[in-house]
Amino acid sequence: MTLSSYESQVRMAIDKFGTAAVRNSWYDPKQVSEHVLSGYTKPLRVKDWDRALVEFTAAMLLDEESNTKPAISK
């Protein structure tokens, strides 16, 4: 799978489930205003955010020397 394929999958998942995830994270989803949703989704409107997320994730997973990489349970 190519990087752009991963990017498009990430964007599709966030577009499809992002708003629902924010609403479902609140005790009363009816209390989530458009202003709140906008605050959570604003970073996702930055150009190439999905590419940056994929590249960062790949770098963290592939960097065996990283002290900040979370341990993977076996």
C-alpha atoms as a PDB file:
ATOM      1  CA  MET A   1       0.000   0.000   0.000  1.00  0.00           C
ATOM      2  CA  THR A   2       1.404   3.412  -0.942  1.00  0.00           C
ATOM      3  CA  LEU A   3       1.695   6.403   1.360  1.00  0.00           C
ATOM      4  CA  SER A   4      -1.032   8.282  -0.488  1.00  0.00           C
ATOM      5  CA  SER A   5      -3.304   5.256  -0.111  1.00  0.00           C
ATOM      6  CA  TYR A   6      -2.771   5.347   3.663  1.00  0.00           C
ATOM      7  CA  GLU A   7      -3.384   9.093   3.647  1.00  0.00           C
ATOM      8  CA  SER A   8      -6.693   8.703   1.845  1.00  0.00           C
ATOM      9  CA  GLN A   9      -7.784   5.957   4.252  1.00  0.00           C
ATOM     10  CA  VAL A  10      -6.899   8.118   7.267  1.00  0.00           C
ATOM     11  CA  ARG A  11      -8.789  11.101   5.818  1.00  0.00           C
ATOM     12  CA  MET A  12     -11.817   8.944   4.979  1.00  0.00           C
ATOM     13  CA  ALA A  13     -11.940   7.448   8.488  1.00  0.00           C
ATOM     14  CA  ILE A  14     -11.629  10.820  10.189  1.00  0.00           C
ATOM     15  CA  ASP A  15     -14.191  12.424   7.868  1.00  0.00           C
ATOM     16  CA  LYS A  16     -16.630   9.570   8.422  1.00  0.00           C
ATOM     17  CA  PHE A  17     -16.173   8.916  12.124  1.00  0.00           C
ATOM     18  CA  GLY A  18     -14.591  12.102  13.523  1.00  0.00           C
ATOM     19  CA  THR A  19     -17.766  13.994  14.344  1.00  0.00           C
ATOM     20  CA  ALA A  20     -19.456  10.874  15.702  1.00  0.00           C
ATOM     21  CA  ALA A  21     -16.402  10.129  17.872  1.00  0.00           C
ATOM     22  CA  VAL A  22     -16.487  13.624  19.371  1.00  0.00           C
ATOM     23  CA  ARG A  23     -20.216  13.433  20.058  1.00  0.00           C
ATOM     24  CA  ASN A  24     -19.934   9.924  21.562  1.00  0.00           C
ATOM     25  CA  SER A  25     -17.105  11.046  23.853  1.00  0.00           C
ATOM     26  CA  TRP A  26     -19.409  13.406  25.733  1.00  0.00           C
ATOM     27  CA  TYR A  27     -21.776  12.293  28.469  1.00  0.00           C
ATOM     28  CA  ASP A  28     -24.634  14.057  26.647  1.00  0.00           C
ATOM     29  CA  PRO A  29     -23.906  14.184  22.897  1.00  0.00           C
ATOM     30  CA  LYS A  30     -26.715  16.730  22.475  1.00  0.00           C
ATOM     31  CA  GLN A  31     -24.556  19.222  24.372  1.00  0.00           C
ATOM     32  CA  VAL A  32     -21.816  19.178  21.707  1.00  0.00           C
ATOM     33  CA  SER A  33     -22.222  22.465  19.858  1.00  0.00           C
ATOM     34  CA  GLU A  34     -20.989  23.307  16.384  1.00  0.00           C
ATOM     35  CA  HIS A  35     -18.379  25.508  18.071  1.00  0.00           C
ATOM     36  CA  VAL A  36     -17.027  22.519  20.026  1.00  0.00           C
ATOM     37  CA  LEU A  37     -17.000  20.328  16.914  1.00  0.00           C
ATOM     38  CA  SER A  38     -15.183  23.052  15.019  1.00  0.00           C
ATOM     39  CA  GLY A  39     -12.526  23.185  17.734  1.00  0.00           C
ATOM     40  CA  TYR A  40     -11.878  19.465  17.460  1.00  0.00           C
ATOM     41  CA  THR A  41     -11.915  19.359  13.664  1.00  0.00           C
ATOM     42  CA  LYS A  42      -9.999  22.577  12.934  1.00  0.00           C
ATOM     43  CA  PRO A  43      -6.585  20.839  12.943  1.00  0.00           C
ATOM     44  CA  LEU A  44      -7.963  18.373  10.373  1.00  0.00           C
ATOM     45  CA  ARG A  45      -8.510  21.198   7.897  1.00  0.00           C
ATOM     46  CA  VAL A  46      -4.798  22.031   7.748  1.00  0.00           C
ATOM     47  CA  LYS A  47      -3.301  21.113   4.383  1.00  0.00           C
ATOM     48  CA  ASP A  48      -1.522  17.725   4.415  1.00  0.00           C
ATOM     49  CA  TRP A  49      -2.383  16.920   8.065  1.00  0.00           C
ATOM     50  CA  ASP A  50      -3.120  13.337   7.030  1.00  0.00           C
ATOM     51  CA  ARG A  51       0.245  12.945   5.333  1.00  0.00           C
ATOM     52  CA  ALA A  52       2.007  14.288   8.437  1.00  0.00           C
ATOM     53  CA  LEU A  53       0.107  11.839  10.662  1.00  0.00           C
ATOM     54  CA  VAL A  54       1.022   8.862   8.462  1.00  0.00           C
ATOM     55  CA  GLU A  55       4.686   9.923   8.195  1.00  0.00           C
ATOM     56  CA  PHE A  56       4.946  10.519  11.952  1.00  0.00           C
ATOM     57  CA  THR A  57       3.335   7.175  12.769  1.00  0.00           C
ATOM     58  CA  ALA A  58       5.579   5.321  10.306  1.00  0.00           C
ATOM     59  CA  ALA A  59       8.680   7.041  11.699  1.00  0.00           C
ATOM     60  CA  MET A  60       7.741   6.127  15.275  1.00  0.00           C
ATOM     61  CA  LEU A  61       7.079   2.503  14.360  1.00  0.00           C
ATOM     62  CA  LEU A  62      10.234   2.124  12.275  1.00  0.00           C
ATOM     63  CA  ASP A  63      12.659   3.935  14.600  1.00  0.00           C
ATOM     64  CA  GLU A  64      14.024   1.116  16.750  1.00  0.00           C
ATOM     65  CA  GLU A  65      16.322   3.511  18.632  1.00  0.00           C
ATOM     66  CA  SER A  66      13.518   5.834  19.728  1.00  0.00           C
ATOM     67  CA  ASN A  67      13.165   6.217  23.489  1.00  0.00           C
ATOM     68  CA  THR A  68       9.750   7.768  23.018  1.00  0.00           C
ATOM     69  CA  LYS A  69       8.264   4.859  21.110  1.00  0.00           C
ATOM     70  CA  PRO A  70       5.728   2.983  23.210  1.00  0.00           C
ATOM     71  CA  ALA A  71       6.545  -0.623  24.039  1.00  0.00           C
ATOM     72  CA  ILE A  72       4.663  -3.241  22.074  1.00  0.00           C
ATOM     73  CA  SER A  73       3.216  -6.019  24.227  1.00  0.00           C
ATOM     74  CA  LYS A  74       3.853  -9.594  23.166  1.00  0.00           C
END
